[in-house]
Amino acid sequence: MIQNDDAPFGLREFLARAGEPQSRRPWPRVVLDRDQWLGLRDLLKTVDWSVLASWAEDRIVHAALRDEADGAIGIVSLPCPTNRFPSLGGMRPGALRMERWIKDLTGLVAVQRSERDLLEVAAASQLVAQPAQHVVPRQAV
C-alpha cells in the first residue's frame, strides 16, 4: 500500500511511488494492485484530486485523475479477476454514476466499503434531507 507520511504530495508523486508508468502518451498510466487502489481511495479523503473519468475493459477498471493543485493528470488501472473492484464513489460521489455505467456495460461491479460511507458522502454533499422534527401526538380529551 502507498504510505502517506502525513506530508501532502501530488498526483505525480503518487504515481511515481505506485509503480513504473506503462505508457506516457498522453498521460502516465500505472497499474495498481488491490492494496494500492484501496490506498488511493483512502487518500482521496485528504487530497484535492478529481476523478475525471472511470471506465473498464476486459476485467480491468481505469480511473483518470486530476490534481487540482497543479493540473497534473494521470491514469490508474486495476485488474479485476473477480469482476469486482473497490469503489472510488465513496470518496468522490461523481464517480458513482460512472461506476454504474461500468456495471451496465462490462459487468464489473464497484463494491462500497459500507453503507455508512455512502451516508457520510451523501451528508457531505448535502444530499440527505435534514431530519424531520418528531411530532408528539396529542392525547384525545
N, C-alpha and C. Protein backbone atom coordinates (compact mmCIF):
# COMPACT_ATOMS: atom_id res chain seq x y z
N MET A 1 0.84 -1.17 0.00
CA MET A 1 0.00 0.00 0.00
C MET A 1 0.88 1.23 0.00
N ILE A 2 0.40 2.30 -0.61
CA ILE A 2 1.14 3.55 -0.66
C ILE A 2 1.09 4.17 0.73
N GLN A 3 2.25 4.54 1.23
CA GLN A 3 2.33 5.14 2.56
C GLN A 3 2.16 6.64 2.45
N ASN A 4 1.31 7.21 3.30
CA ASN A 4 1.13 8.66 3.38
C ASN A 4 1.88 9.11 4.62
N ASP A 5 2.97 9.81 4.45
CA ASP A 5 3.83 10.22 5.57
C ASP A 5 3.33 11.51 6.21
N ASP A 6 2.01 11.75 6.18
CA ASP A 6 1.40 12.96 6.72
C ASP A 6 1.91 14.22 6.03
N ALA A 7 2.66 14.07 4.98
CA ALA A 7 3.12 15.22 4.20
C ALA A 7 2.32 15.23 2.91
N PRO A 8 1.73 16.37 2.56
CA PRO A 8 0.95 16.39 1.33
C PRO A 8 1.84 16.15 0.11
N PHE A 9 1.33 15.40 -0.83
CA PHE A 9 2.05 15.20 -2.08
C PHE A 9 1.05 15.18 -3.20
N GLY A 10 1.55 15.35 -4.39
CA GLY A 10 0.69 15.46 -5.54
C GLY A 10 0.48 14.15 -6.27
N LEU A 11 -0.33 14.23 -7.29
CA LEU A 11 -0.65 13.06 -8.10
C LEU A 11 0.59 12.50 -8.77
N ARG A 12 1.46 13.36 -9.26
CA ARG A 12 2.69 12.87 -9.92
C ARG A 12 3.51 12.01 -8.97
N GLU A 13 3.65 12.46 -7.73
CA GLU A 13 4.42 11.69 -6.75
C GLU A 13 3.71 10.39 -6.41
N PHE A 14 2.39 10.43 -6.28
CA PHE A 14 1.63 9.21 -6.02
C PHE A 14 1.90 8.17 -7.11
N LEU A 15 1.81 8.61 -8.37
CA LEU A 15 2.03 7.69 -9.48
C LEU A 15 3.46 7.15 -9.48
N ALA A 16 4.43 8.02 -9.16
CA ALA A 16 5.83 7.58 -9.11
C ALA A 16 6.03 6.54 -8.01
N ARG A 17 5.39 6.73 -6.87
CA ARG A 17 5.51 5.77 -5.77
C ARG A 17 4.80 4.46 -6.07
N ALA A 18 3.71 4.55 -6.85
CA ALA A 18 2.88 3.37 -7.11
C ALA A 18 3.53 2.38 -8.06
N GLY A 19 4.37 2.85 -8.96
CA GLY A 19 4.99 1.92 -9.89
C GLY A 19 5.44 2.61 -11.16
N GLU A 20 6.01 1.83 -12.04
CA GLU A 20 6.51 2.33 -13.31
C GLU A 20 5.35 2.56 -14.27
N PRO A 21 5.22 3.77 -14.81
CA PRO A 21 4.15 4.03 -15.77
C PRO A 21 4.28 3.12 -16.99
N GLN A 22 3.15 2.59 -17.46
CA GLN A 22 3.17 1.71 -18.62
C GLN A 22 3.20 2.50 -19.92
N SER A 23 2.66 3.69 -19.88
CA SER A 23 2.63 4.50 -21.09
C SER A 23 2.65 5.96 -20.69
N ARG A 24 3.28 6.78 -21.49
CA ARG A 24 3.32 8.20 -21.19
C ARG A 24 2.58 9.02 -22.23
N ARG A 25 1.74 8.38 -23.02
CA ARG A 25 1.01 9.10 -24.07
C ARG A 25 -0.46 8.96 -23.87
N PRO A 26 -1.24 9.94 -23.73
CA PRO A 26 -0.84 11.31 -23.47
C PRO A 26 -0.54 11.55 -21.99
N TRP A 27 -0.98 10.63 -21.08
CA TRP A 27 -0.71 10.80 -19.65
C TRP A 27 -0.16 9.51 -19.09
N PRO A 28 0.60 9.60 -17.99
CA PRO A 28 1.14 8.37 -17.40
C PRO A 28 0.02 7.48 -16.87
N ARG A 29 0.20 6.17 -17.05
CA ARG A 29 -0.76 5.18 -16.57
C ARG A 29 -0.02 4.16 -15.72
N VAL A 30 -0.54 3.92 -14.53
CA VAL A 30 0.08 2.97 -13.61
C VAL A 30 -0.95 1.90 -13.25
N VAL A 31 -0.54 0.64 -13.32
CA VAL A 31 -1.39 -0.47 -12.90
C VAL A 31 -1.17 -0.67 -11.41
N LEU A 32 -2.25 -0.58 -10.64
CA LEU A 32 -2.19 -0.74 -9.19
C LEU A 32 -2.64 -2.13 -8.80
N ASP A 33 -2.18 -2.58 -7.64
CA ASP A 33 -2.76 -3.79 -7.07
C ASP A 33 -3.91 -3.37 -6.16
N ARG A 34 -4.62 -4.33 -5.59
CA ARG A 34 -5.81 -4.01 -4.79
C ARG A 34 -5.46 -3.12 -3.60
N ASP A 35 -4.37 -3.41 -2.91
CA ASP A 35 -3.99 -2.61 -1.75
C ASP A 35 -3.67 -1.16 -2.15
N GLN A 36 -3.03 -0.98 -3.28
CA GLN A 36 -2.74 0.37 -3.75
C GLN A 36 -4.02 1.12 -4.12
N TRP A 37 -4.97 0.41 -4.74
CA TRP A 37 -6.25 1.02 -5.09
C TRP A 37 -6.99 1.45 -3.81
N LEU A 38 -6.97 0.59 -2.79
CA LEU A 38 -7.59 0.95 -1.51
C LEU A 38 -6.87 2.14 -0.88
N GLY A 39 -5.55 2.19 -1.00
CA GLY A 39 -4.79 3.33 -0.51
C GLY A 39 -5.17 4.61 -1.24
N LEU A 40 -5.38 4.51 -2.56
CA LEU A 40 -5.84 5.65 -3.35
C LEU A 40 -7.20 6.11 -2.85
N ARG A 41 -8.09 5.17 -2.64
CA ARG A 41 -9.43 5.52 -2.16
C ARG A 41 -9.35 6.27 -0.83
N ASP A 42 -8.52 5.79 0.08
CA ASP A 42 -8.36 6.46 1.37
C ASP A 42 -7.71 7.83 1.20
N LEU A 43 -6.77 7.92 0.29
CA LEU A 43 -6.07 9.17 0.04
C LEU A 43 -7.01 10.25 -0.51
N LEU A 44 -8.02 9.82 -1.25
CA LEU A 44 -8.96 10.78 -1.83
C LEU A 44 -9.73 11.55 -0.76
N LYS A 45 -9.70 11.08 0.49
CA LYS A 45 -10.33 11.82 1.59
C LYS A 45 -9.59 13.11 1.88
N THR A 46 -8.29 13.13 1.61
CA THR A 46 -7.46 14.25 2.07
C THR A 46 -6.86 15.10 0.96
N VAL A 47 -6.89 14.63 -0.27
CA VAL A 47 -6.25 15.38 -1.36
C VAL A 47 -7.32 16.00 -2.26
N ASP A 48 -6.93 17.00 -2.99
CA ASP A 48 -7.83 17.70 -3.90
C ASP A 48 -7.61 17.19 -5.32
N TRP A 49 -8.01 15.93 -5.54
CA TRP A 49 -7.91 15.32 -6.85
C TRP A 49 -9.31 15.01 -7.35
N SER A 50 -9.55 15.27 -8.61
CA SER A 50 -10.84 14.96 -9.23
C SER A 50 -10.75 13.63 -9.96
N VAL A 51 -11.84 12.90 -9.97
CA VAL A 51 -11.96 11.71 -10.82
C VAL A 51 -12.62 12.22 -12.10
N LEU A 52 -11.80 12.36 -13.15
CA LEU A 52 -12.29 12.90 -14.42
C LEU A 52 -13.15 11.88 -15.16
N ALA A 53 -12.72 10.63 -15.11
CA ALA A 53 -13.44 9.58 -15.82
C ALA A 53 -13.10 8.24 -15.20
N SER A 54 -14.00 7.32 -15.39
CA SER A 54 -13.76 5.94 -14.96
C SER A 54 -14.38 5.05 -16.03
N TRP A 55 -13.67 4.01 -16.43
CA TRP A 55 -14.14 3.11 -17.47
C TRP A 55 -13.50 1.76 -17.27
N ALA A 56 -13.96 0.79 -18.01
CA ALA A 56 -13.43 -0.57 -17.86
C ALA A 56 -13.39 -1.28 -19.20
N GLU A 57 -12.55 -2.28 -19.24
CA GLU A 57 -12.44 -3.14 -20.41
C GLU A 57 -11.82 -4.46 -19.97
N ASP A 58 -12.34 -5.54 -20.48
CA ASP A 58 -11.73 -6.86 -20.29
C ASP A 58 -11.16 -7.08 -18.88
N ARG A 59 -12.03 -6.93 -17.87
CA ARG A 59 -11.67 -7.18 -16.47
C ARG A 59 -10.59 -6.25 -15.91
N ILE A 60 -10.53 -5.04 -16.44
CA ILE A 60 -9.62 -4.02 -15.90
C ILE A 60 -10.42 -2.72 -15.80
N VAL A 61 -10.39 -2.11 -14.62
CA VAL A 61 -11.05 -0.82 -14.43
C VAL A 61 -9.99 0.27 -14.42
N HIS A 62 -10.33 1.43 -14.98
CA HIS A 62 -9.41 2.55 -15.08
C HIS A 62 -10.05 3.79 -14.46
N ALA A 63 -9.22 4.68 -13.95
CA ALA A 63 -9.71 5.99 -13.48
C ALA A 63 -8.70 7.05 -13.91
N ALA A 64 -9.23 8.13 -14.48
CA ALA A 64 -8.40 9.28 -14.82
C ALA A 64 -8.54 10.29 -13.69
N LEU A 65 -7.41 10.70 -13.14
CA LEU A 65 -7.38 11.61 -12.01
C LEU A 65 -6.72 12.92 -12.40
N ARG A 66 -7.17 14.01 -11.76
CA ARG A 66 -6.55 15.32 -11.98
C ARG A 66 -6.25 15.95 -10.63
N ASP A 67 -5.00 16.35 -10.47
CA ASP A 67 -4.58 17.06 -9.27
C ASP A 67 -4.96 18.52 -9.46
N GLU A 68 -5.89 19.00 -8.65
CA GLU A 68 -6.38 20.37 -8.81
C GLU A 68 -5.33 21.41 -8.44
N ALA A 69 -4.32 21.02 -7.66
CA ALA A 69 -3.28 21.97 -7.25
C ALA A 69 -2.37 22.36 -8.40
N ASP A 70 -1.97 21.38 -9.21
CA ASP A 70 -1.02 21.70 -10.28
C ASP A 70 -1.50 21.29 -11.68
N GLY A 71 -2.71 20.73 -11.76
CA GLY A 71 -3.26 20.36 -13.06
C GLY A 71 -2.74 19.05 -13.63
N ALA A 72 -1.93 18.32 -12.87
CA ALA A 72 -1.40 17.04 -13.36
C ALA A 72 -2.54 16.04 -13.56
N ILE A 73 -2.41 15.25 -14.62
CA ILE A 73 -3.40 14.21 -14.93
C ILE A 73 -2.68 12.88 -15.02
N GLY A 74 -3.29 11.85 -14.49
CA GLY A 74 -2.72 10.51 -14.56
C GLY A 74 -3.84 9.48 -14.59
N ILE A 75 -3.50 8.30 -15.07
CA ILE A 75 -4.44 7.19 -15.18
C ILE A 75 -3.98 6.07 -14.26
N VAL A 76 -4.91 5.52 -13.49
CA VAL A 76 -4.63 4.34 -12.68
C VAL A 76 -5.55 3.22 -13.15
N SER A 77 -5.03 2.01 -13.12
CA SER A 77 -5.79 0.85 -13.58
C SER A 77 -5.70 -0.24 -12.54
N LEU A 78 -6.76 -1.05 -12.46
CA LEU A 78 -6.81 -2.16 -11.51
C LEU A 78 -7.35 -3.39 -12.19
N PRO A 79 -6.58 -4.47 -12.25
CA PRO A 79 -7.11 -5.73 -12.77
C PRO A 79 -8.22 -6.24 -11.84
N CYS A 80 -9.28 -6.79 -12.43
CA CYS A 80 -10.44 -7.26 -11.66
C CYS A 80 -10.76 -8.71 -12.02
N PRO A 81 -9.95 -9.67 -11.56
CA PRO A 81 -10.18 -11.07 -11.94
C PRO A 81 -11.50 -11.62 -11.40
N THR A 82 -12.05 -11.01 -10.35
CA THR A 82 -13.32 -11.48 -9.78
C THR A 82 -14.51 -10.65 -10.25
N ASN A 83 -14.28 -9.76 -11.21
CA ASN A 83 -15.31 -8.86 -11.73
C ASN A 83 -15.83 -7.88 -10.69
N ARG A 84 -15.05 -7.62 -9.65
CA ARG A 84 -15.41 -6.66 -8.60
C ARG A 84 -14.21 -5.77 -8.33
N PHE A 85 -14.50 -4.52 -7.95
CA PHE A 85 -13.42 -3.60 -7.61
C PHE A 85 -13.90 -2.64 -6.54
N PRO A 86 -12.99 -2.16 -5.69
CA PRO A 86 -13.37 -1.19 -4.65
C PRO A 86 -13.80 0.13 -5.30
N SER A 87 -14.93 0.63 -4.85
CA SER A 87 -15.49 1.86 -5.41
C SER A 87 -14.70 3.08 -4.96
N LEU A 88 -14.53 4.02 -5.88
CA LEU A 88 -14.00 5.34 -5.53
C LEU A 88 -15.13 6.31 -5.25
N GLY A 89 -16.35 5.90 -5.54
CA GLY A 89 -17.52 6.75 -5.37
C GLY A 89 -17.80 7.11 -3.93
N GLY A 90 -17.30 6.34 -2.99
CA GLY A 90 -17.48 6.68 -1.59
C GLY A 90 -16.73 7.94 -1.20
N MET A 91 -15.68 8.27 -1.95
CA MET A 91 -14.91 9.48 -1.68
C MET A 91 -15.22 10.59 -2.67
N ARG A 92 -15.60 10.21 -3.86
CA ARG A 92 -15.94 11.17 -4.92
C ARG A 92 -17.31 10.77 -5.49
N PRO A 93 -18.38 11.40 -5.01
CA PRO A 93 -19.73 11.00 -5.45
C PRO A 93 -19.93 11.01 -6.96
N GLY A 94 -19.21 11.86 -7.67
CA GLY A 94 -19.34 11.89 -9.12
C GLY A 94 -18.93 10.59 -9.79
N ALA A 95 -18.11 9.81 -9.12
CA ALA A 95 -17.66 8.54 -9.68
C ALA A 95 -18.75 7.46 -9.62
N LEU A 96 -19.75 7.66 -8.77
CA LEU A 96 -20.80 6.64 -8.63
C LEU A 96 -21.53 6.39 -9.95
N ARG A 97 -21.84 7.45 -10.66
CA ARG A 97 -22.55 7.28 -11.94
C ARG A 97 -21.69 6.51 -12.94
N MET A 98 -20.40 6.86 -13.00
CA MET A 98 -19.51 6.16 -13.93
C MET A 98 -19.39 4.69 -13.54
N GLU A 99 -19.38 4.40 -12.24
CA GLU A 99 -19.29 3.00 -11.79
C GLU A 99 -20.56 2.23 -12.15
N ARG A 100 -21.70 2.89 -12.14
CA ARG A 100 -22.93 2.22 -12.58
C ARG A 100 -22.86 1.92 -14.08
N TRP A 101 -22.30 2.87 -14.85
CA TRP A 101 -22.14 2.63 -16.28
C TRP A 101 -21.21 1.44 -16.52
N ILE A 102 -20.13 1.37 -15.75
CA ILE A 102 -19.19 0.25 -15.89
C ILE A 102 -19.92 -1.07 -15.66
N LYS A 103 -20.75 -1.11 -14.63
CA LYS A 103 -21.51 -2.34 -14.35
C LYS A 103 -22.43 -2.68 -15.51
N ASP A 104 -23.15 -1.68 -16.02
CA ASP A 104 -24.09 -1.93 -17.11
C ASP A 104 -23.40 -2.38 -18.39
N LEU A 105 -22.23 -1.81 -18.67
CA LEU A 105 -21.56 -2.09 -19.95
C LEU A 105 -20.62 -3.28 -19.91
N THR A 106 -20.00 -3.54 -18.75
CA THR A 106 -18.98 -4.60 -18.70
C THR A 106 -19.26 -5.70 -17.68
N GLY A 107 -20.17 -5.45 -16.75
CA GLY A 107 -20.44 -6.44 -15.71
C GLY A 107 -19.52 -6.34 -14.50
N LEU A 108 -18.53 -5.44 -14.54
CA LEU A 108 -17.67 -5.24 -13.37
C LEU A 108 -18.45 -4.44 -12.32
N VAL A 109 -18.39 -4.89 -11.07
CA VAL A 109 -19.20 -4.29 -10.01
C VAL A 109 -18.32 -3.54 -9.02
N ALA A 110 -18.67 -2.28 -8.78
CA ALA A 110 -17.98 -1.46 -7.77
C ALA A 110 -18.55 -1.82 -6.40
N VAL A 111 -17.66 -2.14 -5.47
CA VAL A 111 -18.07 -2.55 -4.14
C VAL A 111 -17.79 -1.42 -3.16
N GLN A 112 -18.84 -1.00 -2.46
CA GLN A 112 -18.68 0.05 -1.44
C GLN A 112 -18.10 -0.57 -0.18
N ARG A 113 -17.40 0.26 0.59
CA ARG A 113 -16.87 -0.23 1.87
C ARG A 113 -18.01 -0.55 2.82
N SER A 114 -18.93 0.37 2.95
CA SER A 114 -20.05 0.14 3.84
C SER A 114 -21.14 1.14 3.51
N GLU A 115 -22.32 0.84 4.01
CA GLU A 115 -23.44 1.75 3.82
C GLU A 115 -23.17 3.08 4.51
N ARG A 116 -22.45 3.03 5.61
CA ARG A 116 -22.13 4.25 6.35
C ARG A 116 -21.30 5.21 5.49
N ASP A 117 -20.36 4.68 4.71
CA ASP A 117 -19.56 5.53 3.83
C ASP A 117 -20.45 6.30 2.87
N LEU A 118 -21.45 5.62 2.30
CA LEU A 118 -22.35 6.29 1.38
C LEU A 118 -23.15 7.38 2.09
N LEU A 119 -23.58 7.10 3.31
CA LEU A 119 -24.34 8.10 4.06
C LEU A 119 -23.48 9.31 4.38
N GLU A 120 -22.20 9.08 4.73
CA GLU A 120 -21.30 10.20 5.02
C GLU A 120 -21.09 11.06 3.78
N VAL A 121 -20.92 10.41 2.63
CA VAL A 121 -20.73 11.17 1.39
C VAL A 121 -22.00 11.95 1.06
N ALA A 122 -23.15 11.31 1.23
CA ALA A 122 -24.40 11.99 0.94
C ALA A 122 -24.59 13.19 1.86
N ALA A 123 -24.27 13.03 3.13
CA ALA A 123 -24.40 14.14 4.07
C ALA A 123 -23.44 15.26 3.71
N ALA A 124 -22.22 14.90 3.35
CA ALA A 124 -21.23 15.91 2.96
C ALA A 124 -21.66 16.63 1.69
N SER A 125 -22.36 15.93 0.83
CA SER A 125 -22.82 16.52 -0.43
C SER A 125 -24.16 17.21 -0.28
N GLN A 126 -24.68 17.21 0.92
CA GLN A 126 -25.98 17.80 1.22
C GLN A 126 -27.10 17.15 0.42
N LEU A 127 -26.94 15.85 0.20
CA LEU A 127 -27.98 15.10 -0.50
C LEU A 127 -29.01 14.52 0.47
N VAL A 128 -28.65 14.49 1.74
CA VAL A 128 -29.55 13.94 2.74
C VAL A 128 -30.35 15.09 3.34
N ALA A 129 -31.66 14.95 3.36
CA ALA A 129 -32.51 16.00 3.92
C ALA A 129 -32.28 16.12 5.42
N GLN A 130 -32.57 17.27 5.94
CA GLN A 130 -32.48 17.49 7.37
C GLN A 130 -33.46 16.56 8.07
N PRO A 131 -33.12 16.07 9.26
CA PRO A 131 -34.04 15.18 9.96
C PRO A 131 -35.35 15.90 10.28
N ALA A 132 -36.43 15.18 10.14
CA ALA A 132 -37.74 15.75 10.41
C ALA A 132 -37.92 15.91 11.91
N GLN A 133 -38.64 16.94 12.29
CA GLN A 133 -38.97 17.14 13.70
C GLN A 133 -40.02 16.12 14.08
N HIS A 134 -39.80 15.46 15.19
CA HIS A 134 -40.77 14.48 15.66
C HIS A 134 -41.92 15.20 16.32
N VAL A 135 -43.11 14.89 15.89
CA VAL A 135 -44.30 15.50 16.45
C VAL A 135 -44.92 14.50 17.42
N VAL A 136 -45.16 14.96 18.63
CA VAL A 136 -45.78 14.11 19.63
C VAL A 136 -47.29 14.28 19.49
N PRO A 137 -48.01 13.19 19.22
CA PRO A 137 -49.46 13.33 19.06
C PRO A 137 -50.11 13.74 20.38
N ARG A 138 -51.17 14.55 20.27
CA ARG A 138 -51.91 14.96 21.46
C ARG A 138 -52.83 13.85 21.91
N GLN A 139 -53.03 13.80 23.18
CA GLN A 139 -53.96 12.84 23.73
C GLN A 139 -55.38 13.33 23.50
N ALA A 140 -56.25 12.46 23.09
CA ALA A 140 -57.65 12.84 22.92
C ALA A 140 -58.25 13.16 24.28
N VAL A 141 -58.96 14.23 24.36
CA VAL A 141 -59.56 14.64 25.63
C VAL A 141 -60.98 14.17 25.71
